[in-house]
Amino acid sequence: MEFTSAAARRRYDDIVAVAKDTVVALDFDGTLSPIVEDPDSARIHHDAPDLLVDLAEVVRAVAVITGRPARQALALGGLDEVGDRMGGSGRELFLFGQYGNERWSSTNRRVVSPRPPPGLSSFLRELPGILRRADAAEAYVEEKGLAVAVHTRRLPEPEVASARLLPGLRDAAERHDLMIEPGRLVAEVRAPGMHKGIAVRTLADEVGAAGFVFAGDDLGDLEAFAAVGELRDAGLATLLVCSSSPDAEGPEELVELADVVVPGPDGVLALLRQLVDDARRS
């Protein structure tokens, strides 16, 4: 495990010292699950369920904060069962779906979700024309209920296609009072007013956290990184983890803010395993 600075190493030690009052929050894709071409085929890392249960024994709470719909993340991650197994430790698993618009927990097993934003259906009607004009008609469109994600990963020259498509998506989103969240070969259009940073602050406040760890891999995690930075300024022990790999490097913005940069989901789990071991010894 390599830290980005001596200060980052000290932050890890501070987290270990307050582990029992720390929240560990994780993105799903690229962090708990490897990035795959078909978002519907993503699965949580095979070692993650056991490790999350072990983690719950030494920290205050574990959370998954994702852009995916909550029900989809529950199914792909087997998180319902993971939450069941955490019950024995008296800890809770939280899930914030669609950037925090949806919420589920292992003690309140109902997904709480708002209505779709009014402009989303109009945006969807326009979307086929936007794709054709950008020569991206074969882009994969993922309808999430509260949002629409447009993936260019399957297209020839996907980065070029993404750059070509983004202006049209941004213009349409603005006209329908929606916001756009560009990511790695994907752009997500959704309602404004909610992001992962709000979920981080809400969770830290609700559980009375003394420490907060967040791990993410893409631009949609920037608000979460910023919120953890605010918690740090308020006196909490914090640790920021960027999940990166040679075929899917983390954005520079995340790398620059991170205390630890790890090689994809394998690296995230290795870091969490080290945290579990160190917390048990402390």
C-alpha atoms as a PDB file:
ATOM      1  CA  MET A   1       0.000   0.000   0.000  1.00  0.00           C
ATOM      2  CA  GLU A   2       1.584   3.261  -1.148  1.00  0.00           C
ATOM      3  CA  PHE A   3       0.450   6.610   0.229  1.00  0.00           C
ATOM      4  CA  THR A   4       0.650   9.816  -1.777  1.00  0.00           C
ATOM      5  CA  SER A   5       2.417  11.698   1.034  1.00  0.00           C
ATOM      6  CA  ALA A   6       3.594  11.456   4.624  1.00  0.00           C
ATOM      7  CA  ALA A   7       0.422  13.329   5.633  1.00  0.00           C
ATOM      8  CA  ALA A   8      -1.664  10.680   3.858  1.00  0.00           C
ATOM      9  CA  ARG A   9       0.077   7.964   5.871  1.00  0.00           C
ATOM     10  CA  ARG A  10      -0.776   9.819   9.073  1.00  0.00           C
ATOM     11  CA  ARG A  11      -4.405  10.064   7.952  1.00  0.00           C
ATOM     12  CA  TYR A  12      -4.539   6.293   7.589  1.00  0.00           C
ATOM     13  CA  ASP A  13      -3.133   5.868  11.102  1.00  0.00           C
ATOM     14  CA  ASP A  14      -5.759   8.317  12.401  1.00  0.00           C
ATOM     15  CA  ILE A  15      -8.509   6.246  10.763  1.00  0.00           C
ATOM     16  CA  VAL A  16      -7.195   3.076  12.415  1.00  0.00           C
ATOM     17  CA  ALA A  17      -7.254   4.859  15.786  1.00  0.00           C
ATOM     18  CA  VAL A  18     -10.965   5.762  15.437  1.00  0.00           C
ATOM     19  CA  ALA A  19     -12.033   2.754  13.362  1.00  0.00           C
ATOM     20  CA  LYS A  20     -14.961   1.833  15.626  1.00  0.00           C
ATOM     21  CA  ASP A  21     -16.517   5.253  14.907  1.00  0.00           C
ATOM     22  CA  THR A  22     -15.599   5.371  11.201  1.00  0.00           C
ATOM     23  CA  VAL A  23     -17.813   5.080   8.131  1.00  0.00           C
ATOM     24  CA  VAL A  24     -16.324   3.316   5.098  1.00  0.00           C
ATOM     25  CA  ALA A  25     -18.171   4.324   1.915  1.00  0.00           C
ATOM     26  CA  LEU A  26     -17.491   2.804  -1.486  1.00  0.00           C
ATOM     27  CA  ASP A  27     -18.504   3.427  -5.069  1.00  0.00           C
ATOM     28  CA  PHE A  28     -19.743   0.341  -6.958  1.00  0.00           C
ATOM     29  CA  ASP A  29     -18.428   0.264 -10.550  1.00  0.00           C
ATOM     30  CA  GLY A  30     -14.653   0.397 -10.763  1.00  0.00           C
ATOM     31  CA  THR A  31     -14.337   0.207  -6.985  1.00  0.00           C
ATOM     32  CA  LEU A  32     -16.253  -2.837  -5.722  1.00  0.00           C
ATOM     33  CA  SER A  33     -16.904  -4.198  -9.213  1.00  0.00           C
ATOM     34  CA  PRO A  34     -14.558  -4.262 -12.221  1.00  0.00           C
ATOM     35  CA  ILE A  35     -15.568  -2.033 -15.144  1.00  0.00           C
ATOM     36  CA  VAL A  36     -17.212  -4.119 -17.878  1.00  0.00           C
ATOM     37  CA  GLU A  37     -18.585  -3.340 -21.355  1.00  0.00           C
ATOM     38  CA  ASP A  38     -22.146  -4.273 -20.444  1.00  0.00           C
ATOM     39  CA  PRO A  39     -23.227  -2.497 -17.224  1.00  0.00           C
ATOM     40  CA  ASP A  40     -25.897  -5.154 -16.651  1.00  0.00           C
ATOM     41  CA  SER A  41     -23.241  -7.866 -16.402  1.00  0.00           C
ATOM     42  CA  ALA A  42     -21.200  -6.165 -13.669  1.00  0.00           C
ATOM     43  CA  ARG A  43     -20.754  -8.182 -10.499  1.00  0.00           C
ATOM     44  CA  ILE A  44     -19.235  -7.328  -7.146  1.00  0.00           C
ATOM     45  CA  HIS A  45     -15.683  -8.636  -6.663  1.00  0.00           C
ATOM     46  CA  HIS A  46     -15.861 -12.258  -5.491  1.00  0.00           C
ATOM     47  CA  ASP A  47     -13.928 -11.457  -2.296  1.00  0.00           C
ATOM     48  CA  ALA A  48     -16.005  -8.395  -1.421  1.00  0.00           C
ATOM     49  CA  PRO A  49     -18.969  -9.936   0.473  1.00  0.00           C
ATOM     50  CA  ASP A  50     -16.794 -11.683   3.072  1.00  0.00           C
ATOM     51  CA  LEU A  51     -14.529  -8.677   3.439  1.00  0.00           C
ATOM     52  CA  LEU A  52     -17.425  -6.233   3.879  1.00  0.00           C
ATOM     53  CA  VAL A  53     -18.777  -8.429   6.669  1.00  0.00           C
ATOM     54  CA  ASP A  54     -15.339  -8.466   8.342  1.00  0.00           C
ATOM     55  CA  LEU A  55     -15.087  -4.694   7.883  1.00  0.00           C
ATOM     56  CA  ALA A  56     -18.434  -4.186   9.620  1.00  0.00           C
ATOM     57  CA  GLU A  57     -16.989  -5.792  12.742  1.00  0.00           C
ATOM     58  CA  VAL A  58     -14.368  -3.055  13.177  1.00  0.00           C
ATOM     59  CA  VAL A  59     -16.048   0.131  11.862  1.00  0.00           C
ATOM     60  CA  ARG A  60     -19.210   2.089  12.698  1.00  0.00           C
ATOM     61  CA  ALA A  61     -20.940   1.560   9.321  1.00  0.00           C
ATOM     62  CA  VAL A  62     -20.314   0.439   5.759  1.00  0.00           C
ATOM     63  CA  ALA A  63     -21.965   2.179   2.796  1.00  0.00           C
ATOM     64  CA  VAL A  64     -22.174   1.829  -0.966  1.00  0.00           C
ATOM     65  CA  ILE A  65     -22.786   5.152  -2.740  1.00  0.00           C
ATOM     66  CA  THR A  66     -23.390   4.613  -6.446  1.00  0.00           C
ATOM     67  CA  GLY A  67     -24.907   6.088  -9.565  1.00  0.00           C
ATOM     68  CA  ARG A  68     -26.694   2.805 -10.188  1.00  0.00           C
ATOM     69  CA  PRO A  69     -30.331   2.340  -9.180  1.00  0.00           C
ATOM     70  CA  ALA A  70     -30.472   0.940  -5.652  1.00  0.00           C
ATOM     71  CA  ARG A  71     -32.353  -2.227  -6.620  1.00  0.00           C
ATOM     72  CA  GLN A  72     -29.840  -2.961  -9.365  1.00  0.00           C
ATOM     73  CA  ALA A  73     -26.889  -2.513  -7.009  1.00  0.00           C
ATOM     74  CA  LEU A  74     -28.585  -4.766  -4.455  1.00  0.00           C
ATOM     75  CA  ALA A  75     -28.999  -7.503  -7.063  1.00  0.00           C
ATOM     76  CA  LEU A  76     -25.589  -7.221  -8.730  1.00  0.00           C
ATOM     77  CA  GLY A  77     -23.769  -6.950  -5.418  1.00  0.00           C
ATOM     78  CA  GLY A  78     -25.770  -9.427  -3.386  1.00  0.00           C
ATOM     79  CA  LEU A  79     -25.900  -6.611  -0.846  1.00  0.00           C
ATOM     80  CA  ASP A  80     -29.138  -7.780   0.735  1.00  0.00           C
ATOM     81  CA  GLU A  81     -27.398 -10.968   1.857  1.00  0.00           C
ATOM     82  CA  VAL A  82     -24.288  -9.033   2.913  1.00  0.00           C
ATOM     83  CA  GLY A  83     -26.518  -6.852   5.094  1.00  0.00           C
ATOM     84  CA  ASP A  84     -28.056  -9.961   6.655  1.00  0.00           C
ATOM     85  CA  ARG A  85     -24.614 -11.256   7.577  1.00  0.00           C
ATOM     86  CA  MET A  86     -23.621  -7.909   9.105  1.00  0.00           C
ATOM     87  CA  GLY A  87     -26.536  -8.083  11.514  1.00  0.00           C
ATOM     88  CA  GLY A  88     -24.576 -10.308  13.837  1.00  0.00           C
ATOM     89  CA  SER A  89     -22.011  -7.547  14.382  1.00  0.00           C
ATOM     90  CA  GLY A  90     -24.701  -5.012  15.234  1.00  0.00           C
ATOM     91  CA  ARG A  91     -23.552  -2.844  12.342  1.00  0.00           C
ATOM     92  CA  GLU A  92     -25.545  -1.490   9.420  1.00  0.00           C
ATOM     93  CA  LEU A  93     -25.043  -1.533   5.665  1.00  0.00           C
ATOM     94  CA  PHE A  94     -26.253   1.586   3.882  1.00  0.00           C
ATOM     95  CA  LEU A  95     -26.899   1.882   0.153  1.00  0.00           C
ATOM     96  CA  PHE A  96     -27.369   5.219  -1.602  1.00  0.00           C
ATOM     97  CA  GLY A  97     -28.455   4.686  -5.213  1.00  0.00           C
ATOM     98  CA  GLN A  98     -28.620   7.123  -8.120  1.00  0.00           C
ATOM     99  CA  TYR A  99     -26.089   9.456  -6.478  1.00  0.00           C
ATOM    100  CA  GLY A 100     -28.092   9.588  -3.234  1.00  0.00           C
ATOM    101  CA  ASN A 101     -31.604  10.012  -4.648  1.00  0.00           C
ATOM    102  CA  GLU A 102     -32.471   6.480  -3.518  1.00  0.00           C
ATOM    103  CA  ARG A 103     -31.789   4.957  -0.152  1.00  0.00           C
ATOM    104  CA  TRP A 104     -31.814   1.477   1.419  1.00  0.00           C
ATOM    105  CA  SER A 105     -30.328   0.032   4.583  1.00  0.00           C
ATOM    106  CA  SER A 106     -29.984  -3.409   6.107  1.00  0.00           C
ATOM    107  CA  THR A 107     -32.325  -2.428   8.957  1.00  0.00           C
ATOM    108  CA  ASN A 108     -34.900  -0.643   6.783  1.00  0.00           C
ATOM    109  CA  ARG A 109     -35.123  -2.926   3.770  1.00  0.00           C
ATOM    110  CA  ARG A 110     -37.247  -0.697   1.584  1.00  0.00           C
ATOM    111  CA  VAL A 111     -35.852   1.402  -1.237  1.00  0.00           C
ATOM    112  CA  VAL A 112     -36.958   4.999  -0.717  1.00  0.00           C
ATOM    113  CA  SER A 113     -37.013   6.867  -4.010  1.00  0.00           C
ATOM    114  CA  PRO A 114     -38.445  10.165  -5.347  1.00  0.00           C
ATOM    115  CA  ARG A 115     -40.426  10.572  -8.559  1.00  0.00           C
ATOM    116  CA  PRO A 116     -38.469  10.892 -11.851  1.00  0.00           C
ATOM    117  CA  PRO A 117     -37.603  14.497 -12.787  1.00  0.00           C
ATOM    118  CA  PRO A 118     -40.250  16.110 -15.055  1.00  0.00           C
ATOM    119  CA  GLY A 119     -37.879  16.782 -17.964  1.00  0.00           C
ATOM    120  CA  LEU A 120     -36.488  13.265 -18.230  1.00  0.00           C
ATOM    121  CA  SER A 121     -39.205  11.823 -20.469  1.00  0.00           C
ATOM    122  CA  SER A 122     -38.844  14.743 -22.899  1.00  0.00           C
ATOM    123  CA  PHE A 123     -35.083  14.270 -22.928  1.00  0.00           C
ATOM    124  CA  LEU A 124     -35.541  10.582 -23.719  1.00  0.00           C
ATOM    125  CA  ARG A 125     -37.744  11.408 -26.691  1.00  0.00           C
ATOM    126  CA  GLU A 126     -35.015  13.671 -28.076  1.00  0.00           C
ATOM    127  CA  LEU A 127     -32.160  11.279 -27.361  1.00  0.00           C
ATOM    128  CA  PRO A 128     -32.299   9.130 -30.562  1.00  0.00           C
ATOM    129  CA  GLY A 129     -31.929  12.270 -32.689  1.00  0.00           C
ATOM    130  CA  ILE A 130     -29.025  13.517 -30.561  1.00  0.00           C
ATOM    131  CA  LEU A 131     -27.268  10.177 -30.996  1.00  0.00           C
ATOM    132  CA  ARG A 132     -27.786  10.139 -34.776  1.00  0.00           C
ATOM    133  CA  ARG A 133     -26.469  13.677 -35.218  1.00  0.00           C
ATOM    134  CA  ALA A 134     -23.338  12.751 -33.232  1.00  0.00           C
ATOM    135  CA  ASP A 135     -22.829   9.601 -35.313  1.00  0.00           C
ATOM    136  CA  ALA A 136     -23.337   7.594 -32.127  1.00  0.00           C
ATOM    137  CA  ALA A 137     -26.635   5.841 -32.831  1.00  0.00           C
ATOM    138  CA  GLU A 138     -25.234   2.551 -31.505  1.00  0.00           C
ATOM    139  CA  ALA A 139     -24.315   3.983 -28.101  1.00  0.00           C
ATOM    140  CA  TYR A 140     -25.759   1.962 -25.230  1.00  0.00           C
ATOM    141  CA  VAL A 141     -28.571   3.829 -23.471  1.00  0.00           C
ATOM    142  CA  GLU A 142     -29.185   2.760 -19.885  1.00  0.00           C
ATOM    143  CA  GLU A 143     -32.497   3.955 -18.460  1.00  0.00           C
ATOM    144  CA  LYS A 144     -32.280   4.117 -14.674  1.00  0.00           C
ATOM    145  CA  GLY A 145     -35.718   5.427 -13.760  1.00  0.00           C
ATOM    146  CA  LEU A 146     -34.425   8.679 -12.269  1.00  0.00           C
ATOM    147  CA  ALA A 147     -31.666   9.153 -14.836  1.00  0.00           C
ATOM    148  CA  VAL A 148     -30.374   8.130 -18.259  1.00  0.00           C
ATOM    149  CA  ALA A 149     -26.782   7.029 -18.854  1.00  0.00           C
ATOM    150  CA  VAL A 150     -25.305   7.006 -22.371  1.00  0.00           C
ATOM    151  CA  HIS A 151     -22.295   4.685 -22.752  1.00  0.00           C
ATOM    152  CA  THR A 152     -19.842   4.891 -25.665  1.00  0.00           C
ATOM    153  CA  ARG A 153     -17.622   2.021 -24.521  1.00  0.00           C
ATOM    154  CA  ARG A 154     -18.928  -0.298 -27.272  1.00  0.00           C
ATOM    155  CA  LEU A 155     -18.409   2.177 -30.116  1.00  0.00           C
ATOM    156  CA  PRO A 156     -15.357   2.405 -32.397  1.00  0.00           C
ATOM    157  CA  GLU A 157     -12.980   5.022 -30.935  1.00  0.00           C
ATOM    158  CA  PRO A 158     -15.145   5.375 -27.808  1.00  0.00           C
ATOM    159  CA  GLU A 159     -13.305   8.411 -26.424  1.00  0.00           C
ATOM    160  CA  VAL A 160     -13.723  10.303 -29.701  1.00  0.00           C
ATOM    161  CA  ALA A 161     -17.392   9.327 -29.824  1.00  0.00           C
ATOM    162  CA  SER A 162     -17.876  10.497 -26.238  1.00  0.00           C
ATOM    163  CA  ALA A 163     -16.351  13.902 -26.985  1.00  0.00           C
ATOM    164  CA  ARG A 164     -18.498  14.223 -30.099  1.00  0.00           C
ATOM    165  CA  LEU A 165     -21.683  13.351 -28.227  1.00  0.00           C
ATOM    166  CA  LEU A 166     -21.237  15.365 -25.054  1.00  0.00           C
ATOM    167  CA  PRO A 167     -22.160  18.871 -26.391  1.00  0.00           C
ATOM    168  CA  GLY A 168     -25.523  17.668 -27.698  1.00  0.00           C
ATOM    169  CA  LEU A 169     -26.331  15.853 -24.468  1.00  0.00           C
ATOM    170  CA  ARG A 170     -25.334  18.874 -22.406  1.00  0.00           C
ATOM    171  CA  ASP A 171     -27.491  21.237 -24.486  1.00  0.00           C
ATOM    172  CA  ALA A 172     -30.555  18.980 -24.219  1.00  0.00           C
ATOM    173  CA  ALA A 173     -30.049  18.482 -20.482  1.00  0.00           C
ATOM    174  CA  GLU A 174     -29.948  22.235 -19.901  1.00  0.00           C
ATOM    175  CA  ARG A 175     -33.141  22.786 -21.918  1.00  0.00           C
ATOM    176  CA  HIS A 176     -34.982  20.231 -19.801  1.00  0.00           C
ATOM    177  CA  ASP A 177     -33.671  21.527 -16.452  1.00  0.00           C
ATOM    178  CA  LEU A 178     -31.518  18.458 -15.945  1.00  0.00           C
ATOM    179  CA  MET A 179     -27.837  18.109 -15.093  1.00  0.00           C
ATOM    180  CA  ILE A 180     -25.204  16.052 -16.872  1.00  0.00           C
ATOM    181  CA  GLU A 181     -22.502  14.027 -15.128  1.00  0.00           C
ATOM    182  CA  PRO A 182     -19.690  13.076 -17.531  1.00  0.00           C
ATOM    183  CA  GLY A 183     -17.694  10.001 -16.570  1.00  0.00           C
ATOM    184  CA  ARG A 184     -15.332   7.471 -18.113  1.00  0.00           C
ATOM    185  CA  LEU A 185     -16.921   6.742 -21.528  1.00  0.00           C
ATOM    186  CA  VAL A 186     -20.351   7.512 -20.078  1.00  0.00           C
ATOM    187  CA  ALA A 187     -22.510  10.581 -19.537  1.00  0.00           C
ATOM    188  CA  GLU A 188     -25.425  10.517 -17.118  1.00  0.00           C
ATOM    189  CA  VAL A 189     -28.355  12.923 -17.296  1.00  0.00           C
ATOM    190  CA  ARG A 190     -30.417  13.359 -14.140  1.00  0.00           C
ATOM    191  CA  ALA A 191     -32.165  15.841 -11.865  1.00  0.00           C
ATOM    192  CA  PRO A 192     -30.045  18.548 -10.240  1.00  0.00           C
ATOM    193  CA  GLY A 193     -29.794  19.018  -6.500  1.00  0.00           C
ATOM    194  CA  MET A 194     -28.385  15.664  -5.410  1.00  0.00           C
ATOM    195  CA  HIS A 195     -24.890  14.187  -5.587  1.00  0.00           C
ATOM    196  CA  LYS A 196     -22.630  11.814  -3.699  1.00  0.00           C
ATOM    197  CA  GLY A 197     -21.247  14.602  -1.537  1.00  0.00           C
ATOM    198  CA  ILE A 198     -24.670  15.170   0.002  1.00  0.00           C
ATOM    199  CA  ALA A 199     -24.929  11.439   0.734  1.00  0.00           C
ATOM    200  CA  VAL A 200     -21.518  11.546   2.451  1.00  0.00           C
ATOM    201  CA  ARG A 201     -22.455  14.493   4.665  1.00  0.00           C
ATOM    202  CA  THR A 202     -25.876  13.004   5.486  1.00  0.00           C
ATOM    203  CA  LEU A 203     -24.392   9.674   6.525  1.00  0.00           C
ATOM    204  CA  ALA A 204     -21.569  11.184   8.573  1.00  0.00           C
ATOM    205  CA  ASP A 205     -24.073  13.327  10.468  1.00  0.00           C
ATOM    206  CA  GLU A 206     -26.611  10.547  11.048  1.00  0.00           C
ATOM    207  CA  VAL A 207     -24.172   8.072  12.576  1.00  0.00           C
ATOM    208  CA  GLY A 208     -22.075  10.641  14.405  1.00  0.00           C
ATOM    209  CA  ALA A 209     -18.920   9.564  12.594  1.00  0.00           C
ATOM    210  CA  ALA A 210     -15.480  10.400  13.971  1.00  0.00           C
ATOM    211  CA  GLY A 211     -13.831   9.120  10.791  1.00  0.00           C
ATOM    212  CA  PHE A 212     -14.787   8.722   7.153  1.00  0.00           C
ATOM    213  CA  VAL A 213     -13.188   6.710   4.338  1.00  0.00           C
ATOM    214  CA  PHE A 214     -14.386   7.073   0.752  1.00  0.00           C
ATOM    215  CA  ALA A 215     -13.187   5.092  -2.260  1.00  0.00           C
ATOM    216  CA  GLY A 216     -14.143   5.952  -5.840  1.00  0.00           C
ATOM    217  CA  ASP A 217     -12.850   5.876  -9.379  1.00  0.00           C
ATOM    218  CA  ASP A 218     -14.587   8.429 -11.608  1.00  0.00           C
ATOM    219  CA  LEU A 219     -15.674  12.053 -11.963  1.00  0.00           C
ATOM    220  CA  GLY A 220     -19.023  11.306 -10.318  1.00  0.00           C
ATOM    221  CA  ASP A 221     -17.058  10.767  -7.101  1.00  0.00           C
ATOM    222  CA  LEU A 222     -15.562  14.267  -7.033  1.00  0.00           C
ATOM    223  CA  GLU A 223     -18.372  15.696  -4.899  1.00  0.00           C
ATOM    224  CA  ALA A 224     -17.865  12.860  -2.416  1.00  0.00           C
ATOM    225  CA  PHE A 225     -14.137  13.608  -2.289  1.00  0.00           C
ATOM    226  CA  ALA A 226     -14.938  17.287  -1.693  1.00  0.00           C
ATOM    227  CA  ALA A 227     -17.404  16.437   1.080  1.00  0.00           C
ATOM    228  CA  VAL A 228     -14.839  14.226   2.814  1.00  0.00           C
ATOM    229  CA  GLY A 229     -12.400  17.129   2.552  1.00  0.00           C
ATOM    230  CA  GLU A 230     -14.938  19.311   4.373  1.00  0.00           C
ATOM    231  CA  LEU A 231     -15.288  16.669   7.088  1.00  0.00           C
ATOM    232  CA  ARG A 232     -11.491  16.703   7.423  1.00  0.00           C
ATOM    233  CA  ASP A 233     -11.546  20.475   7.862  1.00  0.00           C
ATOM    234  CA  ALA A 234     -14.185  20.003  10.572  1.00  0.00           C
ATOM    235  CA  GLY A 235     -11.830  17.744  12.531  1.00  0.00           C
ATOM    236  CA  LEU A 236     -12.793  14.224  11.437  1.00  0.00           C
ATOM    237  CA  ALA A 237     -10.195  11.605  10.584  1.00  0.00           C
ATOM    238  CA  THR A 238     -10.516  10.945   6.844  1.00  0.00           C
ATOM    239  CA  LEU A 239      -9.000   8.911   4.040  1.00  0.00           C
ATOM    240  CA  LEU A 240      -9.590   9.337   0.287  1.00  0.00           C
ATOM    241  CA  VAL A 241      -8.942   6.338  -1.964  1.00  0.00           C
ATOM    242  CA  CYS A 242      -8.754   6.451  -5.769  1.00  0.00           C
ATOM    243  CA  SER A 243      -9.323   3.143  -7.543  1.00  0.00           C
ATOM    244  CA  SER A 244      -7.218   3.166 -10.696  1.00  0.00           C
ATOM    245  CA  SER A 245      -5.811   0.609 -13.117  1.00  0.00           C
ATOM    246  CA  PRO A 246      -3.717   0.644 -16.324  1.00  0.00           C
ATOM    247  CA  ASP A 247      -6.763   0.031 -18.556  1.00  0.00           C
ATOM    248  CA  ALA A 248      -9.022   2.419 -16.629  1.00  0.00           C
ATOM    249  CA  GLU A 249      -6.906   5.049 -14.917  1.00  0.00           C
ATOM    250  CA  GLY A 250      -8.606   7.236 -12.366  1.00  0.00           C
ATOM    251  CA  PRO A 251      -9.242  10.849 -13.441  1.00  0.00           C
ATOM    252  CA  GLU A 252      -6.434  13.251 -12.604  1.00  0.00           C
ATOM    253  CA  GLU A 253      -8.807  15.238 -10.402  1.00  0.00           C
ATOM    254  CA  LEU A 254      -9.326  12.232  -8.124  1.00  0.00           C
ATOM    255  CA  VAL A 255      -5.686  11.143  -8.193  1.00  0.00           C
ATOM    256  CA  GLU A 256      -4.579  14.604  -7.084  1.00  0.00           C
ATOM    257  CA  LEU A 257      -6.945  14.567  -4.091  1.00  0.00           C
ATOM    258  CA  ALA A 258      -6.389  10.941  -3.060  1.00  0.00           C
ATOM    259  CA  ASP A 259      -4.417   9.828  -0.032  1.00  0.00           C
ATOM    260  CA  VAL A 260      -4.004   6.371  -1.588  1.00  0.00           C
ATOM    261  CA  VAL A 261      -4.160   5.278  -5.237  1.00  0.00           C
ATOM    262  CA  VAL A 262      -4.809   1.553  -5.597  1.00  0.00           C
ATOM    263  CA  PRO A 263      -5.005  -0.797  -8.616  1.00  0.00           C
ATOM    264  CA  GLY A 264      -8.739  -1.233  -9.176  1.00  0.00           C
ATOM    265  CA  PRO A 265     -11.117  -3.342  -7.059  1.00  0.00           C
ATOM    266  CA  ASP A 266      -8.289  -5.741  -6.141  1.00  0.00           C
ATOM    267  CA  GLY A 267      -6.390  -2.829  -4.623  1.00  0.00           C
ATOM    268  CA  VAL A 268      -9.456  -1.446  -2.854  1.00  0.00           C
ATOM    269  CA  LEU A 269     -10.088  -4.797  -1.183  1.00  0.00           C
ATOM    270  CA  ALA A 270      -6.424  -5.164  -0.232  1.00  0.00           C
ATOM    271  CA  LEU A 271      -6.554  -1.752   1.455  1.00  0.00           C
ATOM    272  CA  LEU A 272      -9.750  -2.652   3.322  1.00  0.00           C
ATOM    273  CA  ARG A 273      -8.251  -5.959   4.437  1.00  0.00           C
ATOM    274  CA  GLN A 274      -5.244  -4.088   5.812  1.00  0.00           C
ATOM    275  CA  LEU A 275      -7.579  -1.697   7.617  1.00  0.00           C
ATOM    276  CA  VAL A 276      -9.458  -4.616   9.184  1.00  0.00           C
ATOM    277  CA  ASP A 277      -6.217  -6.234  10.321  1.00  0.00           C
ATOM    278  CA  ASP A 278      -4.744  -3.015  11.719  1.00  0.00           C
ATOM    279  CA  ALA A 279      -7.983  -2.090  13.509  1.00  0.00           C
ATOM    280  CA  ARG A 280      -8.140  -5.504  15.160  1.00  0.00           C
ATOM    281  CA  ARG A 281      -4.568  -5.159  16.406  1.00  0.00           C
ATOM    282  CA  SER A 282      -4.992  -1.628  17.727  1.00  0.00           C
END
